[in-house]
C-alpha atoms as a PDB file:
ATOM      1  CA  ASP A   1     -37.133 200.098 168.043  1.00  0.00           C
ATOM      2  CA  ASP A   2     -36.377 196.393 168.265  1.00  0.00           C
ATOM      3  CA  GLN A   3     -35.796 195.633 164.584  1.00  0.00           C
ATOM      4  CA  PRO A   4     -33.139 196.800 162.123  1.00  0.00           C
ATOM      5  CA  VAL A   5     -34.377 199.249 159.517  1.00  0.00           C
ATOM      6  CA  THR A   6     -32.903 200.618 156.308  1.00  0.00           C
ATOM      7  CA  LEU A   7     -32.901 204.409 156.107  1.00  0.00           C
ATOM      8  CA  GLN A   8     -32.479 206.340 152.885  1.00  0.00           C
ATOM      9  CA  THR A   9     -29.976 209.225 152.984  1.00  0.00           C
ATOM     10  CA  LYS A  10     -28.564 211.614 150.393  1.00  0.00           C
ATOM     11  CA  SER A  11     -25.410 209.463 150.378  1.00  0.00           C
ATOM     12  CA  GLY A  12     -27.316 206.194 150.009  1.00  0.00           C
ATOM     13  CA  PRO A  13     -28.997 203.716 152.314  1.00  0.00           C
ATOM     14  CA  ILE A  14     -27.768 202.971 155.847  1.00  0.00           C
ATOM     15  CA  VAL A  15     -29.028 200.374 158.287  1.00  0.00           C
ATOM     16  CA  SER A  16     -29.996 201.364 161.800  1.00  0.00           C
ATOM     17  CA  VAL A  17     -29.386 198.465 164.193  1.00  0.00           C
ATOM     18  CA  PRO A  18     -31.421 198.532 167.440  1.00  0.00           C
ATOM     19  CA  TYR A  19     -29.804 200.341 170.357  1.00  0.00           C
ATOM     20  CA  THR A  20     -31.610 201.198 173.558  1.00  0.00           C
ATOM     21  CA  VAL A  21     -30.904 203.084 176.743  1.00  0.00           C
ATOM     22  CA  GLU A  22     -33.236 200.739 178.643  1.00  0.00           C
ATOM     23  CA  THR A  23     -30.585 198.009 178.893  1.00  0.00           C
ATOM     24  CA  ASN A  24     -27.510 200.237 178.782  1.00  0.00           C
ATOM     25  CA  ASP A  25     -25.231 200.012 181.809  1.00  0.00           C
ATOM     26  CA  ILE A  26     -24.184 203.670 181.577  1.00  0.00           C
ATOM     27  CA  THR A  27     -27.783 204.871 181.686  1.00  0.00           C
ATOM     28  CA  MET A  28     -28.907 202.452 184.373  1.00  0.00           C
ATOM     29  CA  MET A  29     -25.949 202.313 186.727  1.00  0.00           C
ATOM     30  CA  ALA A  30     -23.922 205.473 186.158  1.00  0.00           C
ATOM     31  CA  LEU A  31     -26.743 207.954 185.477  1.00  0.00           C
ATOM     32  CA  GLN A  32     -29.849 206.486 187.132  1.00  0.00           C
ATOM     33  CA  HIS A  33     -27.862 204.842 189.964  1.00  0.00           C
ATOM     34  CA  HIS A  34     -29.656 201.492 189.722  1.00  0.00           C
ATOM     35  CA  THR A  35     -27.975 198.401 191.086  1.00  0.00           C
ATOM     36  CA  ALA A  36     -26.572 195.605 188.956  1.00  0.00           C
ATOM     37  CA  GLU A  37     -29.356 193.441 190.362  1.00  0.00           C
ATOM     38  CA  GLU A  38     -31.887 195.858 188.807  1.00  0.00           C
ATOM     39  CA  PHE A  39     -29.961 195.620 185.527  1.00  0.00           C
ATOM     40  CA  LEU A  40     -30.495 191.843 185.639  1.00  0.00           C
ATOM     41  CA  LYS A  41     -34.200 192.173 186.472  1.00  0.00           C
ATOM     42  CA  ARG A  42     -34.807 194.726 183.731  1.00  0.00           C
ATOM     43  CA  GLY A  43     -32.786 192.707 181.240  1.00  0.00           C
ATOM     44  CA  LYS A  44     -34.762 189.539 181.958  1.00  0.00           C
ATOM     45  CA  ASP A  45     -38.084 191.393 181.738  1.00  0.00           C
ATOM     46  CA  GLN A  46     -37.044 193.051 178.470  1.00  0.00           C
ATOM     47  CA  PHE A  47     -35.859 189.763 176.985  1.00  0.00           C
ATOM     48  CA  ASP A  48     -38.926 187.807 178.098  1.00  0.00           C
ATOM     49  CA  GLN A  49     -41.307 190.301 176.477  1.00  0.00           C
ATOM     50  CA  LEU A  50     -39.357 190.498 173.215  1.00  0.00           C
ATOM     51  CA  TYR A  51     -38.995 186.714 173.150  1.00  0.00           C
ATOM     52  CA  LYS A  52     -42.765 186.367 173.515  1.00  0.00           C
ATOM     53  CA  GLU A  53     -43.321 188.844 170.670  1.00  0.00           C
ATOM     54  CA  SER A  54     -40.750 187.053 168.513  1.00  0.00           C
ATOM     55  CA  ALA A  55     -43.183 184.188 167.998  1.00  0.00           C
ATOM     56  CA  ASP A  56     -44.713 186.402 165.282  1.00  0.00           C
ATOM     57  CA  ILE A  57     -41.729 188.430 164.061  1.00  0.00           C
ATOM     58  CA  THR A  58     -38.000 188.623 164.816  1.00  0.00           C
ATOM     59  CA  ARG A  59     -37.024 190.945 167.664  1.00  0.00           C
ATOM     60  CA  VAL A  60     -33.599 192.295 168.604  1.00  0.00           C
ATOM     61  CA  MET A  61     -32.665 193.135 172.182  1.00  0.00           C
ATOM     62  CA  ALA A  62     -29.776 195.550 172.433  1.00  0.00           C
ATOM     63  CA  ILE A  63     -27.618 195.279 175.548  1.00  0.00           C
ATOM     64  CA  SER A  64     -25.028 198.033 175.848  1.00  0.00           C
ATOM     65  CA  LEU A  65     -22.146 197.089 178.126  1.00  0.00           C
ATOM     66  CA  HIS A  66     -18.983 198.935 179.079  1.00  0.00           C
ATOM     67  CA  THR A  67     -16.284 196.904 180.811  1.00  0.00           C
ATOM     68  CA  TYR A  68     -15.426 199.665 183.272  1.00  0.00           C
ATOM     69  CA  ILE A  69     -19.031 199.554 184.534  1.00  0.00           C
ATOM     70  CA  SER A  70     -20.511 196.085 184.057  1.00  0.00           C
ATOM     71  CA  GLY A  71     -17.135 194.371 184.204  1.00  0.00           C
ATOM     72  CA  ALA A  72     -16.543 195.492 187.777  1.00  0.00           C
ATOM     73  CA  PRO A  73     -16.180 192.508 190.110  1.00  0.00           C
ATOM     74  CA  HIS A  74     -19.371 193.322 192.056  1.00  0.00           C
ATOM     75  CA  ARG A  75     -21.452 193.586 188.847  1.00  0.00           C
ATOM     76  CA  ILE A  76     -20.185 190.970 186.405  1.00  0.00           C
ATOM     77  CA  LYS A  77     -22.146 188.086 187.947  1.00  0.00           C
ATOM     78  CA  TYR A  78     -25.386 189.894 187.045  1.00  0.00           C
ATOM     79  CA  VAL A  79     -24.317 190.284 183.421  1.00  0.00           C
ATOM     80  CA  GLU A  80     -23.394 186.602 183.326  1.00  0.00           C
ATOM     81  CA  ALA A  81     -26.790 185.688 184.838  1.00  0.00           C
ATOM     82  CA  LEU A  82     -28.597 187.720 182.150  1.00  0.00           C
ATOM     83  CA  LEU A  83     -26.602 186.043 179.388  1.00  0.00           C
ATOM     84  CA  ASP A  84     -27.326 182.625 180.937  1.00  0.00           C
ATOM     85  CA  HIS A  85     -31.048 183.475 180.963  1.00  0.00           C
ATOM     86  CA  ILE A  86     -30.931 184.404 177.283  1.00  0.00           C
ATOM     87  CA  ARG A  87     -28.856 181.328 176.385  1.00  0.00           C
ATOM     88  CA  SER A  88     -31.416 179.086 178.128  1.00  0.00           C
ATOM     89  CA  HIS A  89     -33.744 179.721 175.166  1.00  0.00           C
ATOM     90  CA  GLU A  90     -32.522 177.448 172.367  1.00  0.00           C
ATOM     91  CA  ASP A  91     -33.638 179.659 169.496  1.00  0.00           C
ATOM     92  CA  ALA A  92     -32.204 182.902 170.906  1.00  0.00           C
ATOM     93  CA  VAL A  93     -28.770 184.030 169.733  1.00  0.00           C
ATOM     94  CA  ILE A  94     -26.261 186.476 171.156  1.00  0.00           C
ATOM     95  CA  TRP A  95     -24.704 188.526 168.377  1.00  0.00           C
ATOM     96  CA  THR A  96     -22.661 191.686 167.992  1.00  0.00           C
ATOM     97  CA  GLY A  97     -24.061 194.648 166.092  1.00  0.00           C
ATOM     98  CA  GLY A  98     -22.022 193.571 163.064  1.00  0.00           C
ATOM     99  CA  GLU A  99     -23.498 190.080 163.141  1.00  0.00           C
ATOM    100  CA  ILE A 100     -27.012 191.537 163.374  1.00  0.00           C
ATOM    101  CA  LEU A 101     -26.249 193.757 160.381  1.00  0.00           C
ATOM    102  CA  ASP A 102     -24.946 190.793 158.359  1.00  0.00           C
ATOM    103  CA  TRP A 103     -28.067 188.753 159.188  1.00  0.00           C
ATOM    104  CA  TYR A 104     -30.347 191.660 158.282  1.00  0.00           C
ATOM    105  CA  LYS A 105     -28.627 192.181 154.926  1.00  0.00           C
ATOM    106  CA  GLN A 106     -29.052 188.464 154.115  1.00  0.00           C
ATOM    107  CA  GLN A 107     -32.768 188.711 154.882  1.00  0.00           C
ATOM    108  CA  THR A 108     -33.370 191.835 152.823  1.00  0.00           C
ATOM    109  CA  GLY A 109     -31.076 191.049 149.916  1.00  0.00           C
END
């Protein structure tokens, strides 16, 4: 899903923050053997669609990165290009999971 959600458990509520395998470097590059260029294309397409949908309701795009994969010299420029694409939209923010959780808790009280 692309929104945080509160789940009720026997021990009390927990918040599930969005996490996807669609923009996860392990899934894409290590398991599916896609190139870093495909990671950039998929990331832009994912962001553009969620950004369009966010006109009506907030959307969260999870990007899962591991330095030993995406931080490799031949891949990092594609990660930087994706982040530049996201940053080019003034009302988009780049947050950690913890920052998303904090924002969500402020919204839901």
